[in-house]
Amino acid sequence: MILLSIKLLIAHIIGDFVLQPDSWVEHKKLHKHKSKFLYFHGIVHFIALLVILQFNWSYLPYFILIVISHLIIDLIKINLEGKMNSQFSFALDQILHIAILSIVVYLNHPYVIDFGKIYSEENLFLVLMLLLVIPVSSIVMKMMMSKWKLEEDNSEDSLQNAGAYIGILERLFVFSFIVLNQWGAIGFLIAAKSVFRFGDLSRAKNRKLTEYVLIGTLTSFGLAISLGLLYIYFTK
């Protein structure tokens, strides 16, 4: 079952990402079902499946199912272009493709999903910690830092909500490094952030900005470290 799953995923990645040029994607968006590249895309998927599964023709009905369903899902996505968020559209597209692959795996190797393991105490505790690391810590940080208001030199030079996303990512990295017992990697992360921030701080020559960044960074790292240690304490 695992081997078949891996092979199908490899074929999917090759067909959907590696061997699909941007020009094909744009042509499909423009011409929809009339685009020749839509069907070239299907042929590429078929060949990828055939090669990865070592020309095992007993899988032919499944190849056809995967390719046809893939083209239908792609057409639905193309026709919904501009009607929904592009990130959501991409995620939904990939979820549907993987769902079809999961069905094919199930038809060949019936499996049972053990919800008891999914809802195990350790998994639920991990979900709780991740919720604390991401949304809860973000709110705590926002409330804590809101007491200081700094005027930006040019707000248009900054990406929208970039600071919030950077904070989320750094806390996720720190939490993961602690769970994996890679404390040295945290030092590398701090050094990397310091290097990138050095240019902003040196140009601004603003003591308040420096203090603001330091407080935010240390608080963010402190929350992630505390939650990481808490997770280790209750799971080890």
C-alpha atoms as a PDB file:
ATOM      1  CA  MET A   1       0.000   0.000   0.000  1.00  0.00           C
ATOM      2  CA  ILE A   2       2.742   2.462   0.983  1.00  0.00           C
ATOM      3  CA  LEU A   3       4.803   1.655  -2.128  1.00  0.00           C
ATOM      4  CA  LEU A   4       1.812   2.203  -4.425  1.00  0.00           C
ATOM      5  CA  SER A   5       0.977   5.476  -2.644  1.00  0.00           C
ATOM      6  CA  ILE A   6       4.537   6.734  -3.106  1.00  0.00           C
ATOM      7  CA  LYS A   7       4.580   5.784  -6.796  1.00  0.00           C
ATOM      8  CA  LEU A   8       1.265   7.525  -7.464  1.00  0.00           C
ATOM      9  CA  LEU A   9       2.418  10.662  -5.652  1.00  0.00           C
ATOM     10  CA  ILE A  10       5.684  10.720  -7.623  1.00  0.00           C
ATOM     11  CA  ALA A  11       3.759  10.418 -10.898  1.00  0.00           C
ATOM     12  CA  HIS A  12       1.393  13.195  -9.767  1.00  0.00           C
ATOM     13  CA  ILE A  13       4.237  15.561  -8.852  1.00  0.00           C
ATOM     14  CA  ILE A  14       6.061  14.867 -12.120  1.00  0.00           C
ATOM     15  CA  GLY A  15       2.934  15.456 -14.198  1.00  0.00           C
ATOM     16  CA  ASP A  16       1.508  18.416 -12.276  1.00  0.00           C
ATOM     17  CA  PHE A  17       4.661  20.319 -11.334  1.00  0.00           C
ATOM     18  CA  VAL A  18       7.812  19.099 -13.074  1.00  0.00           C
ATOM     19  CA  LEU A  19       6.531  18.595 -16.619  1.00  0.00           C
ATOM     20  CA  GLN A  20       3.904  21.330 -16.822  1.00  0.00           C
ATOM     21  CA  PRO A  21       5.421  24.588 -18.164  1.00  0.00           C
ATOM     22  CA  ASP A  22       3.887  27.932 -17.208  1.00  0.00           C
ATOM     23  CA  SER A  23       3.001  28.474 -20.857  1.00  0.00           C
ATOM     24  CA  TRP A  24       0.715  25.417 -20.713  1.00  0.00           C
ATOM     25  CA  VAL A  25      -0.999  26.736 -17.581  1.00  0.00           C
ATOM     26  CA  GLU A  26      -1.621  30.156 -19.160  1.00  0.00           C
ATOM     27  CA  HIS A  27      -2.902  28.599 -22.396  1.00  0.00           C
ATOM     28  CA  LYS A  28      -5.324  26.407 -20.414  1.00  0.00           C
ATOM     29  CA  LYS A  29      -6.608  29.443 -18.489  1.00  0.00           C
ATOM     30  CA  LEU A  30      -7.200  31.299 -21.744  1.00  0.00           C
ATOM     31  CA  HIS A  31      -8.735  28.530 -23.856  1.00  0.00           C
ATOM     32  CA  LYS A  32     -10.136  26.227 -21.147  1.00  0.00           C
ATOM     33  CA  HIS A  33     -11.420  22.912 -22.591  1.00  0.00           C
ATOM     34  CA  LYS A  34     -10.301  23.970 -26.092  1.00  0.00           C
ATOM     35  CA  SER A  35      -6.660  24.165 -25.031  1.00  0.00           C
ATOM     36  CA  LYS A  36      -4.534  21.442 -26.596  1.00  0.00           C
ATOM     37  CA  PHE A  37      -2.191  21.644 -23.626  1.00  0.00           C
ATOM     38  CA  LEU A  38      -4.959  20.427 -21.305  1.00  0.00           C
ATOM     39  CA  TYR A  39      -4.899  17.117 -23.157  1.00  0.00           C
ATOM     40  CA  PHE A  40      -1.097  17.130 -23.446  1.00  0.00           C
ATOM     41  CA  HIS A  41      -1.145  17.465 -19.673  1.00  0.00           C
ATOM     42  CA  GLY A  42      -3.320  14.365 -19.442  1.00  0.00           C
ATOM     43  CA  ILE A  43      -0.984  12.418 -21.741  1.00  0.00           C
ATOM     44  CA  VAL A  44       2.021  13.435 -19.627  1.00  0.00           C
ATOM     45  CA  HIS A  45       0.242  12.138 -16.527  1.00  0.00           C
ATOM     46  CA  PHE A  46      -0.590   8.861 -18.263  1.00  0.00           C
ATOM     47  CA  ILE A  47       3.016   8.345 -19.372  1.00  0.00           C
ATOM     48  CA  ALA A  48       4.320   9.253 -15.905  1.00  0.00           C
ATOM     49  CA  LEU A  49       1.990   6.701 -14.305  1.00  0.00           C
ATOM     50  CA  LEU A  50       2.955   4.081 -16.860  1.00  0.00           C
ATOM     51  CA  VAL A  51       6.688   4.565 -16.316  1.00  0.00           C
ATOM     52  CA  ILE A  52       6.565   4.843 -12.502  1.00  0.00           C
ATOM     53  CA  LEU A  53       4.399   1.703 -12.244  1.00  0.00           C
ATOM     54  CA  GLN A  54       6.820  -0.153 -14.546  1.00  0.00           C
ATOM     55  CA  PHE A  55       4.412  -0.611 -17.471  1.00  0.00           C
ATOM     56  CA  ASN A  56       2.107  -2.762 -15.356  1.00  0.00           C
ATOM     57  CA  TRP A  57      -0.925  -2.837 -17.659  1.00  0.00           C
ATOM     58  CA  SER A  58      -3.102  -4.397 -14.959  1.00  0.00           C
ATOM     59  CA  TYR A  59      -3.344  -0.856 -13.574  1.00  0.00           C
ATOM     60  CA  LEU A  60      -4.682   0.508 -16.892  1.00  0.00           C
ATOM     61  CA  PRO A  61      -8.261   1.140 -15.615  1.00  0.00           C
ATOM     62  CA  TYR A  62      -6.804   3.097 -12.704  1.00  0.00           C
ATOM     63  CA  PHE A  63      -4.543   5.096 -15.039  1.00  0.00           C
ATOM     64  CA  ILE A  64      -7.617   6.087 -17.040  1.00  0.00           C
ATOM     65  CA  LEU A  65      -9.553   6.975 -13.868  1.00  0.00           C
ATOM     66  CA  ILE A  66      -6.704   9.153 -12.563  1.00  0.00           C
ATOM     67  CA  VAL A  67      -6.114  10.966 -15.855  1.00  0.00           C
ATOM     68  CA  ILE A  68      -9.787  11.637 -16.659  1.00  0.00           C
ATOM     69  CA  SER A  69     -10.564  12.787 -13.102  1.00  0.00           C
ATOM     70  CA  HIS A  70      -7.451  14.966 -13.171  1.00  0.00           C
ATOM     71  CA  LEU A  71      -8.585  16.713 -16.354  1.00  0.00           C
ATOM     72  CA  ILE A  72     -12.111  17.231 -14.964  1.00  0.00           C
ATOM     73  CA  ILE A  73     -10.743  18.721 -11.727  1.00  0.00           C
ATOM     74  CA  ASP A  74      -8.396  20.969 -13.712  1.00  0.00           C
ATOM     75  CA  LEU A  75     -11.279  22.176 -15.890  1.00  0.00           C
ATOM     76  CA  ILE A  76     -13.389  22.975 -12.837  1.00  0.00           C
ATOM     77  CA  LYS A  77     -10.453  24.889 -11.349  1.00  0.00           C
ATOM     78  CA  ILE A  78      -9.897  26.804 -14.609  1.00  0.00           C
ATOM     79  CA  ASN A  79     -13.576  27.789 -14.847  1.00  0.00           C
ATOM     80  CA  LEU A  80     -13.534  29.005 -11.250  1.00  0.00           C
ATOM     81  CA  GLU A  81     -10.459  31.146 -11.934  1.00  0.00           C
ATOM     82  CA  GLY A  82     -11.009  34.636 -10.563  1.00  0.00           C
ATOM     83  CA  LYS A  83     -14.094  33.577  -8.600  1.00  0.00           C
ATOM     84  CA  MET A  84     -12.159  32.379  -5.563  1.00  0.00           C
ATOM     85  CA  ASN A  85      -8.863  32.989  -3.792  1.00  0.00           C
ATOM     86  CA  SER A  86      -5.998  31.545  -5.868  1.00  0.00           C
ATOM     87  CA  GLN A  87      -4.306  29.954  -2.833  1.00  0.00           C
ATOM     88  CA  PHE A  88      -7.565  28.265  -1.799  1.00  0.00           C
ATOM     89  CA  SER A  89      -8.189  27.163  -5.381  1.00  0.00           C
ATOM     90  CA  PHE A  90      -4.719  25.587  -5.599  1.00  0.00           C
ATOM     91  CA  ALA A  91      -5.107  23.812  -2.243  1.00  0.00           C
ATOM     92  CA  LEU A  92      -8.554  22.461  -3.154  1.00  0.00           C
ATOM     93  CA  ASP A  93      -7.266  21.305  -6.542  1.00  0.00           C
ATOM     94  CA  GLN A  94      -4.436  19.324  -4.949  1.00  0.00           C
ATOM     95  CA  ILE A  95      -6.682  17.872  -2.226  1.00  0.00           C
ATOM     96  CA  LEU A  96      -9.083  16.548  -4.860  1.00  0.00           C
ATOM     97  CA  HIS A  97      -6.244  15.022  -6.910  1.00  0.00           C
ATOM     98  CA  ILE A  98      -4.797  13.312  -3.827  1.00  0.00           C
ATOM     99  CA  ALA A  99      -8.282  12.108  -2.851  1.00  0.00           C
ATOM    100  CA  ILE A 100      -8.557  10.319  -6.218  1.00  0.00           C
ATOM    101  CA  LEU A 101      -5.126   8.752  -5.687  1.00  0.00           C
ATOM    102  CA  SER A 102      -6.239   7.627  -2.212  1.00  0.00           C
ATOM    103  CA  ILE A 103      -9.302   5.954  -3.742  1.00  0.00           C
ATOM    104  CA  VAL A 104      -7.089   4.109  -6.226  1.00  0.00           C
ATOM    105  CA  VAL A 105      -4.830   2.924  -3.403  1.00  0.00           C
ATOM    106  CA  TYR A 106      -7.881   1.788  -1.418  1.00  0.00           C
ATOM    107  CA  LEU A 107      -9.288  -0.153  -4.380  1.00  0.00           C
ATOM    108  CA  ASN A 108      -6.001  -2.044  -4.673  1.00  0.00           C
ATOM    109  CA  HIS A 109      -5.124  -2.302  -0.968  1.00  0.00           C
ATOM    110  CA  PRO A 110      -8.215  -1.776   1.239  1.00  0.00           C
ATOM    111  CA  TYR A 111      -7.204  -0.025   4.432  1.00  0.00           C
ATOM    112  CA  VAL A 112      -8.937   1.117   7.583  1.00  0.00           C
ATOM    113  CA  ILE A 113      -8.300   4.551   9.076  1.00  0.00           C
ATOM    114  CA  ASP A 114      -7.711   4.166  12.797  1.00  0.00           C
ATOM    115  CA  PHE A 115      -9.393   7.242  14.254  1.00  0.00           C
ATOM    116  CA  GLY A 116      -8.380   6.046  17.693  1.00  0.00           C
ATOM    117  CA  LYS A 117      -4.759   6.801  16.836  1.00  0.00           C
ATOM    118  CA  ILE A 118      -5.606  10.062  15.115  1.00  0.00           C
ATOM    119  CA  TYR A 119      -7.437  11.268  18.228  1.00  0.00           C
ATOM    120  CA  SER A 120      -4.809   9.922  20.582  1.00  0.00           C
ATOM    121  CA  GLU A 121      -3.845  11.976  23.609  1.00  0.00           C
ATOM    122  CA  GLU A 122      -0.407  12.797  22.175  1.00  0.00           C
ATOM    123  CA  ASN A 123      -1.786  13.962  18.816  1.00  0.00           C
ATOM    124  CA  LEU A 124      -4.446  16.126  20.439  1.00  0.00           C
ATOM    125  CA  PHE A 125      -1.842  17.654  22.738  1.00  0.00           C
ATOM    126  CA  LEU A 126       0.324  18.458  19.703  1.00  0.00           C
ATOM    127  CA  VAL A 127      -2.652  20.160  18.028  1.00  0.00           C
ATOM    128  CA  LEU A 128      -3.216  22.160  21.222  1.00  0.00           C
ATOM    129  CA  MET A 129       0.443  23.262  21.281  1.00  0.00           C
ATOM    130  CA  LEU A 130       0.349  24.293  17.612  1.00  0.00           C
ATOM    131  CA  LEU A 131      -2.783  26.351  18.247  1.00  0.00           C
ATOM    132  CA  LEU A 132      -0.981  28.057  21.116  1.00  0.00           C
ATOM    133  CA  VAL A 133       2.122  28.621  18.958  1.00  0.00           C
ATOM    134  CA  ILE A 134       0.228  30.082  15.987  1.00  0.00           C
ATOM    135  CA  PRO A 135      -3.043  31.949  16.649  1.00  0.00           C
ATOM    136  CA  VAL A 136      -2.888  32.354  20.433  1.00  0.00           C
ATOM    137  CA  SER A 137       0.736  33.569  20.488  1.00  0.00           C
ATOM    138  CA  SER A 138      -0.024  35.938  17.596  1.00  0.00           C
ATOM    139  CA  ILE A 139      -2.833  37.532  19.591  1.00  0.00           C
ATOM    140  CA  VAL A 140      -0.670  37.732  22.723  1.00  0.00           C
ATOM    141  CA  MET A 141       2.109  39.376  20.707  1.00  0.00           C
ATOM    142  CA  LYS A 142      -0.317  41.843  19.114  1.00  0.00           C
ATOM    143  CA  MET A 143      -1.796  42.849  22.471  1.00  0.00           C
ATOM    144  CA  MET A 144       1.607  43.146  24.096  1.00  0.00           C
ATOM    145  CA  MET A 145       3.188  45.235  21.332  1.00  0.00           C
ATOM    146  CA  SER A 146       0.140  47.462  20.795  1.00  0.00           C
ATOM    147  CA  LYS A 147       1.186  49.687  23.691  1.00  0.00           C
ATOM    148  CA  TRP A 148       3.979  51.043  21.470  1.00  0.00           C
ATOM    149  CA  LYS A 149       3.184  52.841  18.234  1.00  0.00           C
ATOM    150  CA  LEU A 150       6.022  53.429  15.781  1.00  0.00           C
ATOM    151  CA  GLU A 151       5.736  55.527  12.643  1.00  0.00           C
ATOM    152  CA  GLU A 152       6.958  53.634   9.589  1.00  0.00           C
ATOM    153  CA  ASP A 153       9.300  55.375   7.165  1.00  0.00           C
ATOM    154  CA  ASN A 154       7.249  54.114   4.234  1.00  0.00           C
ATOM    155  CA  SER A 155       4.561  51.529   4.865  1.00  0.00           C
ATOM    156  CA  GLU A 156       4.362  50.808   1.124  1.00  0.00           C
ATOM    157  CA  ASP A 157       7.868  49.310   1.268  1.00  0.00           C
ATOM    158  CA  SER A 158       6.596  46.514   3.525  1.00  0.00           C
ATOM    159  CA  LEU A 159       4.467  43.532   2.517  1.00  0.00           C
ATOM    160  CA  GLN A 160       1.016  43.452   4.066  1.00  0.00           C
ATOM    161  CA  ASN A 161       0.998  41.487   7.361  1.00  0.00           C
ATOM    162  CA  ALA A 162       4.577  40.359   6.682  1.00  0.00           C
ATOM    163  CA  GLY A 163       5.588  40.863  10.320  1.00  0.00           C
ATOM    164  CA  ALA A 164       2.781  38.618  11.564  1.00  0.00           C
ATOM    165  CA  TYR A 165       3.692  35.861   9.105  1.00  0.00           C
ATOM    166  CA  ILE A 166       7.386  36.097   9.996  1.00  0.00           C
ATOM    167  CA  GLY A 167       6.481  35.765  13.669  1.00  0.00           C
ATOM    168  CA  ILE A 168       4.322  32.703  13.022  1.00  0.00           C
ATOM    169  CA  LEU A 169       7.020  31.018  10.954  1.00  0.00           C
ATOM    170  CA  GLU A 170       9.800  31.714  13.462  1.00  0.00           C
ATOM    171  CA  ARG A 171       7.702  30.330  16.337  1.00  0.00           C
ATOM    172  CA  LEU A 172       6.884  27.222  14.312  1.00  0.00           C
ATOM    173  CA  PHE A 173      10.573  26.720  13.533  1.00  0.00           C
ATOM    174  CA  VAL A 174      11.636  27.240  17.150  1.00  0.00           C
ATOM    175  CA  PHE A 175       8.921  24.907  18.455  1.00  0.00           C
ATOM    176  CA  SER A 176       9.904  22.224  15.908  1.00  0.00           C
ATOM    177  CA  PHE A 177      13.621  22.569  16.703  1.00  0.00           C
ATOM    178  CA  ILE A 178      12.948  22.077  20.413  1.00  0.00           C
ATOM    179  CA  VAL A 179      10.731  19.035  19.819  1.00  0.00           C
ATOM    180  CA  LEU A 180      13.509  17.583  17.621  1.00  0.00           C
ATOM    181  CA  ASN A 181      16.141  18.541  20.241  1.00  0.00           C
ATOM    182  CA  GLN A 182      18.003  20.767  17.765  1.00  0.00           C
ATOM    183  CA  TRP A 183      18.853  23.709  20.005  1.00  0.00           C
ATOM    184  CA  GLY A 184      21.757  24.763  17.792  1.00  0.00           C
ATOM    185  CA  ALA A 185      19.326  25.433  14.954  1.00  0.00           C
ATOM    186  CA  ILE A 186      17.566  28.037  17.115  1.00  0.00           C
ATOM    187  CA  GLY A 187      20.827  29.964  17.397  1.00  0.00           C
ATOM    188  CA  PHE A 188      21.195  29.808  13.624  1.00  0.00           C
ATOM    189  CA  LEU A 189      17.644  31.161  13.228  1.00  0.00           C
ATOM    190  CA  ILE A 190      18.345  34.062  15.596  1.00  0.00           C
ATOM    191  CA  ALA A 191      21.576  34.862  13.738  1.00  0.00           C
ATOM    192  CA  ALA A 192      19.826  34.757  10.357  1.00  0.00           C
ATOM    193  CA  LYS A 193      17.067  37.089  11.524  1.00  0.00           C
ATOM    194  CA  SER A 194      19.635  39.453  13.038  1.00  0.00           C
ATOM    195  CA  VAL A 195      21.501  39.665   9.727  1.00  0.00           C
ATOM    196  CA  PHE A 196      18.342  40.492   7.781  1.00  0.00           C
ATOM    197  CA  ARG A 197      17.172  43.006  10.365  1.00  0.00           C
ATOM    198  CA  PHE A 198      20.564  44.703  10.667  1.00  0.00           C
ATOM    199  CA  GLY A 199      20.108  46.633   7.417  1.00  0.00           C
ATOM    200  CA  ASP A 200      16.711  48.033   8.492  1.00  0.00           C
ATOM    201  CA  LEU A 201      17.973  49.056  11.918  1.00  0.00           C
ATOM    202  CA  SER A 202      21.215  50.604  10.660  1.00  0.00           C
ATOM    203  CA  ARG A 203      19.355  52.667   8.039  1.00  0.00           C
ATOM    204  CA  ALA A 204      16.733  53.813  10.520  1.00  0.00           C
ATOM    205  CA  LYS A 205      19.251  54.665  13.259  1.00  0.00           C
ATOM    206  CA  ASN A 206      16.262  54.622  15.567  1.00  0.00           C
ATOM    207  CA  ARG A 207      16.761  53.392  19.124  1.00  0.00           C
ATOM    208  CA  LYS A 208      13.019  52.947  19.627  1.00  0.00           C
ATOM    209  CA  LEU A 209      12.764  50.743  16.537  1.00  0.00           C
ATOM    210  CA  THR A 210      15.713  48.638  17.720  1.00  0.00           C
ATOM    211  CA  GLU A 211      14.134  48.162  21.135  1.00  0.00           C
ATOM    212  CA  TYR A 212      10.760  47.378  19.539  1.00  0.00           C
ATOM    213  CA  VAL A 213      12.274  44.692  17.305  1.00  0.00           C
ATOM    214  CA  LEU A 214      14.262  43.176  20.188  1.00  0.00           C
ATOM    215  CA  ILE A 215      11.244  43.002  22.480  1.00  0.00           C
ATOM    216  CA  GLY A 216       9.111  41.447  19.747  1.00  0.00           C
ATOM    217  CA  THR A 217      11.760  38.913  18.749  1.00  0.00           C
ATOM    218  CA  LEU A 218      12.632  37.860  22.296  1.00  0.00           C
ATOM    219  CA  THR A 219       8.972  37.571  23.260  1.00  0.00           C
ATOM    220  CA  SER A 220       8.184  35.505  20.176  1.00  0.00           C
ATOM    221  CA  PHE A 221      11.132  33.179  20.766  1.00  0.00           C
ATOM    222  CA  GLY A 222      10.332  32.990  24.482  1.00  0.00           C
ATOM    223  CA  LEU A 223       6.753  31.889  23.834  1.00  0.00           C
ATOM    224  CA  ALA A 224       7.852  29.243  21.333  1.00  0.00           C
ATOM    225  CA  ILE A 225      10.597  27.918  23.632  1.00  0.00           C
ATOM    226  CA  SER A 226       8.227  27.759  26.600  1.00  0.00           C
ATOM    227  CA  LEU A 227       5.596  25.869  24.613  1.00  0.00           C
ATOM    228  CA  GLY A 228       8.219  23.535  23.155  1.00  0.00           C
ATOM    229  CA  LEU A 229       9.556  22.682  26.613  1.00  0.00           C
ATOM    230  CA  LEU A 230       5.992  22.208  27.883  1.00  0.00           C
ATOM    231  CA  TYR A 231       5.278  19.777  25.056  1.00  0.00           C
ATOM    232  CA  ILE A 232       8.452  17.785  25.778  1.00  0.00           C
ATOM    233  CA  TYR A 233       7.702  17.710  29.522  1.00  0.00           C
ATOM    234  CA  PHE A 234       4.238  16.175  29.043  1.00  0.00           C
ATOM    235  CA  THR A 235       5.106  13.765  26.207  1.00  0.00           C
ATOM    236  CA  LYS A 236       8.517  12.356  27.154  1.00  0.00           C
END
